[in-house]
Amino acid sequence: MSDQTVGKSSIGRTVSAYVTLTKPRVLELLLVSTVPVMFLAQGGLPNLWLVLATVIGGSMSAGSAGAFNMYLDRDIDAHMHRTENRPLVTGEVSPRGALIFSWTLAIASTVWLWFTTNWLTAVLSASAIFFYVVIYTMILKRRTEQNIIWGGIAGCFPVLIGWSAVTGSLDWPAFILFLLVFLWTPPHYWPLSMKYKDDYEDVDVPMLGVTRNASQVGLQVILYAWATVACSLLLVPIANMGLVYTISALVFGGWFIYESHRLYNQAVRGTEARPMRVFHASITYLTLLFVAVAVDPLLPF
């Protein structure tokens, strides 16, 4: 293998490592809750340049938060099977490099959104980074089992960002969607904490899956799933949603609740629980629901 080929391969691995720092899977989910809200705020098809600008800024913002999180959690990541291959653990990225990268994305995203959208969107974006990095990662995560409830607020900001990018303000539909994502986050993440209970226990992170037994976690997942679906239906009268969204909220919400009850029943009966089934179902549910949010304003019924 030539030196030039080795050099290209090395550059490719480095780029891939920095991309991994941004947590691309989380980033995709955040964008799913941003763009559809722009359709709803516009009442139809929004300006495509504005959508692109918001997506670029939102991606940098979310990537910054993810990179800061990996920098701060590198000590515990090294002792968890789920995270042992992250770039800061393997040494592909240095702590100094990760910190510079995180700050660069944070500043760039704020400046970009300020000049391509509006000041409110930029402030909301910066607030989301602060909430995820400081409130969740630095303060709550290692101290309380309520960490994901309040720390999950950071993941609610994209709906406000999408709405404000179009309107330059905030209104009730945006707040309802904010509450929807807030209520959805625990039943989305707690099944993951059940799956990786031993990992979190080994590093003394008090996720609910560690501090409570499976049936108690399952019951909490049910309660939050029901609350999430109830909240989704509030959008129908408040945002004057049509048949597409209403039917989607009922059908997909019913499926999400069913999967939550299934997990609880498995835990109560002492059979092998499959928490990742609920984890993946929650992602599919939120994605399909927000697709309905985008499609509904485009139709006359």
Protein backbone atom coordinates (compact mmCIF):
# COMPACT_ATOMS: atom_id res chain seq x y z
CA MET A 1 0.00 0.00 0.00
CA SER A 2 1.41 3.38 -1.00
CA ASP A 3 2.00 6.25 1.42
CA GLN A 4 -0.64 8.27 -0.45
CA THR A 5 -3.24 5.52 0.01
CA VAL A 6 -2.37 5.21 3.69
CA GLY A 7 -2.69 8.99 4.07
CA LYS A 8 -6.13 9.04 2.46
CA SER A 9 -7.26 6.15 4.62
CA SER A 10 -6.02 7.95 7.74
CA ILE A 11 -7.83 11.17 6.77
CA GLY A 12 -10.99 9.20 6.10
CA ARG A 13 -10.86 7.55 9.53
CA THR A 14 -10.28 10.90 11.20
CA VAL A 15 -13.23 12.51 9.42
CA SER A 16 -15.40 9.52 10.29
CA ALA A 17 -14.34 9.80 13.95
CA TYR A 18 -15.32 13.47 14.14
CA VAL A 19 -18.65 12.72 12.46
CA THR A 20 -19.23 10.04 15.11
CA LEU A 21 -18.73 12.69 17.79
CA THR A 22 -21.86 14.46 16.54
CA LYS A 23 -24.04 11.38 17.26
CA PRO A 24 -25.55 11.15 13.74
CA ARG A 25 -28.46 8.90 14.80
CA VAL A 26 -29.61 11.38 17.42
CA LEU A 27 -29.11 14.19 14.93
CA GLU A 28 -31.42 12.48 12.41
CA LEU A 29 -34.16 12.23 15.01
CA LEU A 30 -33.81 15.89 15.93
CA LEU A 31 -34.17 16.94 12.30
CA VAL A 32 -37.29 14.79 11.99
CA SER A 33 -38.87 16.99 14.65
CA THR A 34 -37.65 20.25 13.10
CA VAL A 35 -38.54 20.24 9.40
CA PRO A 36 -42.19 19.04 9.70
CA VAL A 37 -42.88 21.80 12.21
CA MET A 38 -41.76 24.32 9.59
CA PHE A 39 -44.51 23.01 7.28
CA LEU A 40 -47.05 23.39 10.06
CA ALA A 41 -45.86 26.90 10.95
CA GLN A 42 -46.05 27.95 7.29
CA GLY A 43 -49.41 26.27 6.77
CA GLY A 44 -47.97 24.64 3.67
CA LEU A 45 -44.64 24.44 1.88
CA PRO A 46 -42.05 26.68 3.58
CA ASN A 47 -39.24 28.50 1.80
CA LEU A 48 -36.81 25.76 0.81
CA TRP A 49 -33.74 27.92 1.42
CA LEU A 50 -34.99 28.62 4.92
CA VAL A 51 -35.49 24.89 5.50
CA LEU A 52 -31.95 24.18 4.29
CA ALA A 53 -30.46 26.95 6.42
CA THR A 54 -32.32 25.69 9.50
CA VAL A 55 -31.25 22.11 8.86
CA ILE A 56 -27.60 23.14 8.48
CA GLY A 57 -27.68 25.24 11.64
CA GLY A 58 -29.65 22.66 13.59
CA SER A 59 -27.26 19.90 12.53
CA MET A 60 -24.24 21.87 13.71
CA SER A 61 -26.00 22.71 16.97
CA ALA A 62 -27.02 19.12 17.71
CA GLY A 63 -23.58 17.91 16.63
CA SER A 64 -21.96 20.33 19.04
CA ALA A 65 -24.09 19.08 21.94
CA GLY A 66 -23.27 15.48 21.08
CA ALA A 67 -19.55 16.19 20.89
CA PHE A 68 -19.55 18.06 24.21
CA ASN A 69 -21.40 15.10 25.74
CA MET A 70 -18.79 12.61 24.52
CA TYR A 71 -15.98 14.84 25.77
CA LEU A 72 -17.51 15.10 29.26
CA ASP A 73 -18.52 11.43 29.46
CA ARG A 74 -15.30 9.92 28.11
CA ASP A 75 -14.42 8.54 31.55
CA ILE A 76 -17.58 6.45 31.87
CA ASP A 77 -17.79 5.65 28.13
CA ALA A 78 -14.59 3.66 28.50
CA HIS A 79 -16.31 1.28 30.94
CA MET A 80 -19.57 0.72 29.07
CA HIS A 81 -19.95 -1.88 26.32
CA ARG A 82 -22.39 0.37 24.44
CA THR A 83 -19.90 3.23 24.25
CA GLU A 84 -16.46 1.61 24.45
CA ASN A 85 -15.79 2.21 20.75
CA ARG A 86 -16.46 5.94 20.77
CA PRO A 87 -13.62 8.03 19.26
CA LEU A 88 -12.46 9.57 22.54
CA VAL A 89 -12.24 6.12 24.13
CA THR A 90 -10.33 4.52 21.26
CA GLY A 91 -8.01 7.51 20.93
CA GLU A 92 -9.03 8.36 17.35
CA VAL A 93 -9.83 11.87 18.59
CA SER A 94 -7.97 13.64 21.39
CA PRO A 95 -9.88 15.36 24.22
CA ARG A 96 -8.43 18.70 23.11
CA GLY A 97 -9.49 18.08 19.51
CA ALA A 98 -13.00 17.12 20.61
CA LEU A 99 -13.35 20.22 22.79
CA ILE A 100 -12.20 22.55 20.00
CA PHE A 101 -14.55 20.80 17.57
CA SER A 102 -17.47 21.14 20.00
CA TRP A 103 -16.94 24.87 20.58
CA THR A 104 -16.43 25.50 16.86
CA LEU A 105 -19.76 23.86 15.99
CA ALA A 106 -21.54 25.67 18.83
CA ILE A 107 -20.33 29.11 17.75
CA ALA A 108 -20.75 28.42 14.04
CA SER A 109 -24.31 27.15 14.47
CA THR A 110 -25.37 30.16 16.52
CA VAL A 111 -23.83 32.67 14.10
CA TRP A 112 -25.22 30.81 11.10
CA LEU A 113 -28.79 30.71 12.44
CA TRP A 114 -28.61 34.36 13.55
CA PHE A 115 -27.83 35.55 10.02
CA THR A 116 -29.81 33.02 7.96
CA THR A 117 -32.98 32.76 10.08
CA ASN A 118 -33.51 35.15 13.01
CA TRP A 119 -32.20 35.99 16.46
CA LEU A 120 -34.85 33.94 18.30
CA THR A 121 -33.92 30.76 16.45
CA ALA A 122 -30.23 31.34 17.20
CA VAL A 123 -30.95 31.89 20.90
CA LEU A 124 -33.10 28.74 21.09
CA SER A 125 -30.33 26.75 19.42
CA ALA A 126 -27.71 27.98 21.88
CA SER A 127 -30.11 27.26 24.75
CA ALA A 128 -30.54 23.67 23.56
CA ILE A 129 -26.76 23.15 23.61
CA PHE A 130 -26.53 24.66 27.10
CA PHE A 131 -29.36 22.52 28.42
CA TYR A 132 -27.96 19.25 27.05
CA VAL A 133 -24.36 19.91 28.03
CA VAL A 134 -24.70 21.71 31.36
CA ILE A 135 -28.11 20.79 32.80
CA TYR A 136 -28.21 17.17 31.61
CA THR A 137 -24.64 15.95 31.14
CA MET A 138 -22.85 17.93 33.84
CA ILE A 139 -25.54 18.28 36.53
CA LEU A 140 -28.32 15.70 36.28
CA LYS A 141 -27.02 12.59 34.54
CA ARG A 142 -24.84 11.23 37.34
CA ARG A 143 -26.95 12.50 40.24
CA THR A 144 -30.61 11.55 39.84
CA GLU A 145 -32.87 8.96 38.23
CA GLN A 146 -34.91 11.91 36.97
CA ASN A 147 -32.01 12.82 34.68
CA ILE A 148 -33.63 11.88 31.40
CA ILE A 149 -36.94 13.55 32.28
CA TRP A 150 -35.55 17.04 32.79
CA GLY A 151 -32.40 16.60 30.74
CA GLY A 152 -34.57 15.46 27.86
CA ILE A 153 -35.87 19.03 27.53
CA ALA A 154 -32.85 19.67 25.33
CA GLY A 155 -34.33 17.35 22.74
CA CYS A 156 -37.56 19.36 22.73
CA PHE A 157 -35.95 22.55 21.41
CA PRO A 158 -35.90 21.52 17.70
CA VAL A 159 -39.68 21.96 17.44
CA LEU A 160 -39.37 25.50 18.78
CA ILE A 161 -36.44 26.14 16.44
CA GLY A 162 -38.43 24.96 13.41
CA TRP A 163 -41.43 27.10 14.33
CA SER A 164 -39.45 30.24 15.13
CA ALA A 165 -37.36 29.95 11.95
CA VAL A 166 -40.55 30.36 9.92
CA THR A 167 -42.53 32.79 12.07
CA GLY A 168 -39.90 34.63 14.11
CA SER A 169 -42.02 33.94 17.19
CA LEU A 170 -43.54 31.10 19.22
CA ASP A 171 -47.16 30.01 19.48
CA TRP A 172 -49.31 27.35 21.14
CA PRO A 173 -48.84 24.59 18.51
CA ALA A 174 -45.07 24.82 19.02
CA PHE A 175 -45.47 24.53 22.80
CA ILE A 176 -47.79 21.52 22.43
CA LEU A 177 -45.19 19.78 20.25
CA PHE A 178 -42.50 20.74 22.76
CA LEU A 179 -44.56 19.03 25.49
CA LEU A 180 -45.15 16.05 23.21
CA VAL A 181 -41.41 15.42 22.77
CA PHE A 182 -40.85 16.05 26.49
CA LEU A 183 -43.37 13.33 27.41
CA TRP A 184 -42.10 10.97 24.68
CA THR A 185 -38.44 11.07 25.81
CA PRO A 186 -38.76 8.93 28.99
CA PRO A 187 -40.62 5.99 27.36
CA HIS A 188 -38.13 6.25 24.52
CA TYR A 189 -34.99 6.17 26.68
CA TRP A 190 -35.99 4.10 29.73
CA PRO A 191 -36.23 0.85 27.73
CA LEU A 192 -32.64 1.51 26.63
CA SER A 193 -31.66 1.90 30.28
CA MET A 194 -33.22 -1.50 30.93
CA LYS A 195 -31.22 -3.09 28.14
CA TYR A 196 -27.94 -1.60 29.36
CA LYS A 197 -28.72 -1.74 33.07
CA ASP A 198 -25.41 -3.42 33.95
CA ASP A 199 -23.42 -0.83 32.01
CA TYR A 200 -25.03 2.10 33.83
CA GLU A 201 -24.76 0.32 37.17
CA ASP A 202 -21.03 -0.28 36.65
CA VAL A 203 -20.37 3.44 36.18
CA ASP A 204 -22.79 4.61 38.90
CA VAL A 205 -25.18 6.44 36.57
CA PRO A 206 -28.64 6.25 38.20
CA MET A 207 -30.79 5.63 35.16
CA LEU A 208 -34.29 4.38 36.03
CA GLY A 209 -33.41 0.93 34.71
CA VAL A 210 -30.78 0.72 37.47
CA THR A 211 -32.69 2.20 40.41
CA ARG A 212 -36.03 0.43 39.77
CA ASN A 213 -37.00 -3.11 38.86
CA ALA A 214 -38.29 -4.01 35.39
CA SER A 215 -41.98 -3.91 36.28
CA GLN A 216 -41.66 -0.44 37.85
CA VAL A 217 -39.84 0.86 34.79
CA GLY A 218 -42.45 -0.75 32.55
CA LEU A 219 -45.25 0.97 34.46
CA GLN A 220 -43.54 4.36 34.07
CA VAL A 221 -43.13 3.70 30.34
CA ILE A 222 -46.87 3.00 30.07
CA LEU A 223 -47.86 6.17 31.92
CA TYR A 224 -45.63 8.38 29.80
CA ALA A 225 -46.71 6.67 26.58
CA TRP A 226 -50.37 7.38 27.37
CA ALA A 227 -49.52 10.98 28.26
CA THR A 228 -47.59 11.36 25.00
CA VAL A 229 -50.50 10.17 22.89
CA ALA A 230 -52.98 12.35 24.81
CA CYS A 231 -50.74 15.35 24.22
CA SER A 232 -50.51 14.56 20.51
CA LEU A 233 -54.29 14.81 20.26
CA LEU A 234 -54.27 18.29 21.81
CA LEU A 235 -52.72 19.51 18.57
CA VAL A 236 -55.91 18.66 16.65
CA PRO A 237 -58.05 21.52 18.06
CA ILE A 238 -55.17 23.90 18.84
CA ALA A 239 -53.57 23.77 15.38
CA ASN A 240 -56.75 22.86 13.49
CA MET A 241 -55.22 19.61 12.24
CA GLY A 242 -57.02 17.55 9.61
CA LEU A 243 -57.83 13.89 9.07
CA VAL A 244 -54.30 12.78 8.14
CA TYR A 245 -52.78 13.92 11.40
CA THR A 246 -55.77 12.90 13.56
CA ILE A 247 -55.87 9.35 12.21
CA SER A 248 -52.08 9.07 12.39
CA ALA A 249 -52.01 10.23 16.01
CA LEU A 250 -54.66 7.66 16.96
CA VAL A 251 -53.26 4.70 15.00
CA PHE A 252 -49.55 5.18 15.64
CA GLY A 253 -50.24 6.27 19.21
CA GLY A 254 -52.30 3.16 19.83
CA TRP A 255 -49.45 1.02 18.55
CA PHE A 256 -46.93 2.82 20.78
CA ILE A 257 -49.17 2.26 23.82
CA TYR A 258 -49.63 -1.40 22.89
CA GLU A 259 -45.86 -1.95 22.76
CA SER A 260 -45.49 -0.22 26.13
CA HIS A 261 -48.09 -2.50 27.73
CA ARG A 262 -46.41 -5.50 26.15
CA LEU A 263 -43.12 -4.60 27.85
CA TYR A 264 -44.84 -4.15 31.21
CA ASN A 265 -46.69 -7.47 30.94
CA GLN A 266 -43.44 -9.27 30.15
CA ALA A 267 -41.79 -7.72 33.19
CA VAL A 268 -44.70 -8.54 35.53
CA ARG A 269 -44.88 -12.16 34.35
CA GLY A 270 -41.15 -12.59 34.75
CA THR A 271 -40.68 -13.57 31.11
CA GLU A 272 -37.78 -12.24 29.07
CA ALA A 273 -38.49 -8.55 28.46
CA ARG A 274 -37.65 -7.03 25.09
CA PRO A 275 -37.10 -3.35 25.92
CA MET A 276 -35.38 -2.55 22.63
CA ARG A 277 -38.62 -3.35 20.83
CA VAL A 278 -40.23 -0.40 22.63
CA PHE A 279 -37.13 1.73 22.04
CA HIS A 280 -37.30 1.22 18.27
CA ALA A 281 -41.10 1.51 18.26
CA SER A 282 -40.82 4.91 19.95
CA ILE A 283 -38.53 6.16 17.20
CA THR A 284 -40.85 4.90 14.46
CA TYR A 285 -43.85 6.41 16.24
CA LEU A 286 -42.32 9.87 16.54
CA THR A 287 -41.06 9.80 12.94
CA LEU A 288 -44.44 8.82 11.49
CA LEU A 289 -46.28 11.32 13.68
CA PHE A 290 -44.08 14.19 12.52
CA VAL A 291 -44.43 13.09 8.90
CA ALA A 292 -48.16 13.52 9.46
CA VAL A 293 -47.49 16.97 10.93
CA ALA A 294 -45.75 17.92 7.67
CA VAL A 295 -48.27 16.35 5.29
CA ASP A 296 -51.46 17.53 7.00
CA PRO A 297 -51.13 21.26 6.13
CA LEU A 298 -50.60 20.36 2.46
CA LEU A 299 -54.00 18.69 2.17
CA PRO A 300 -57.49 20.26 2.13
CA PHE A 301 -58.99 17.78 4.60
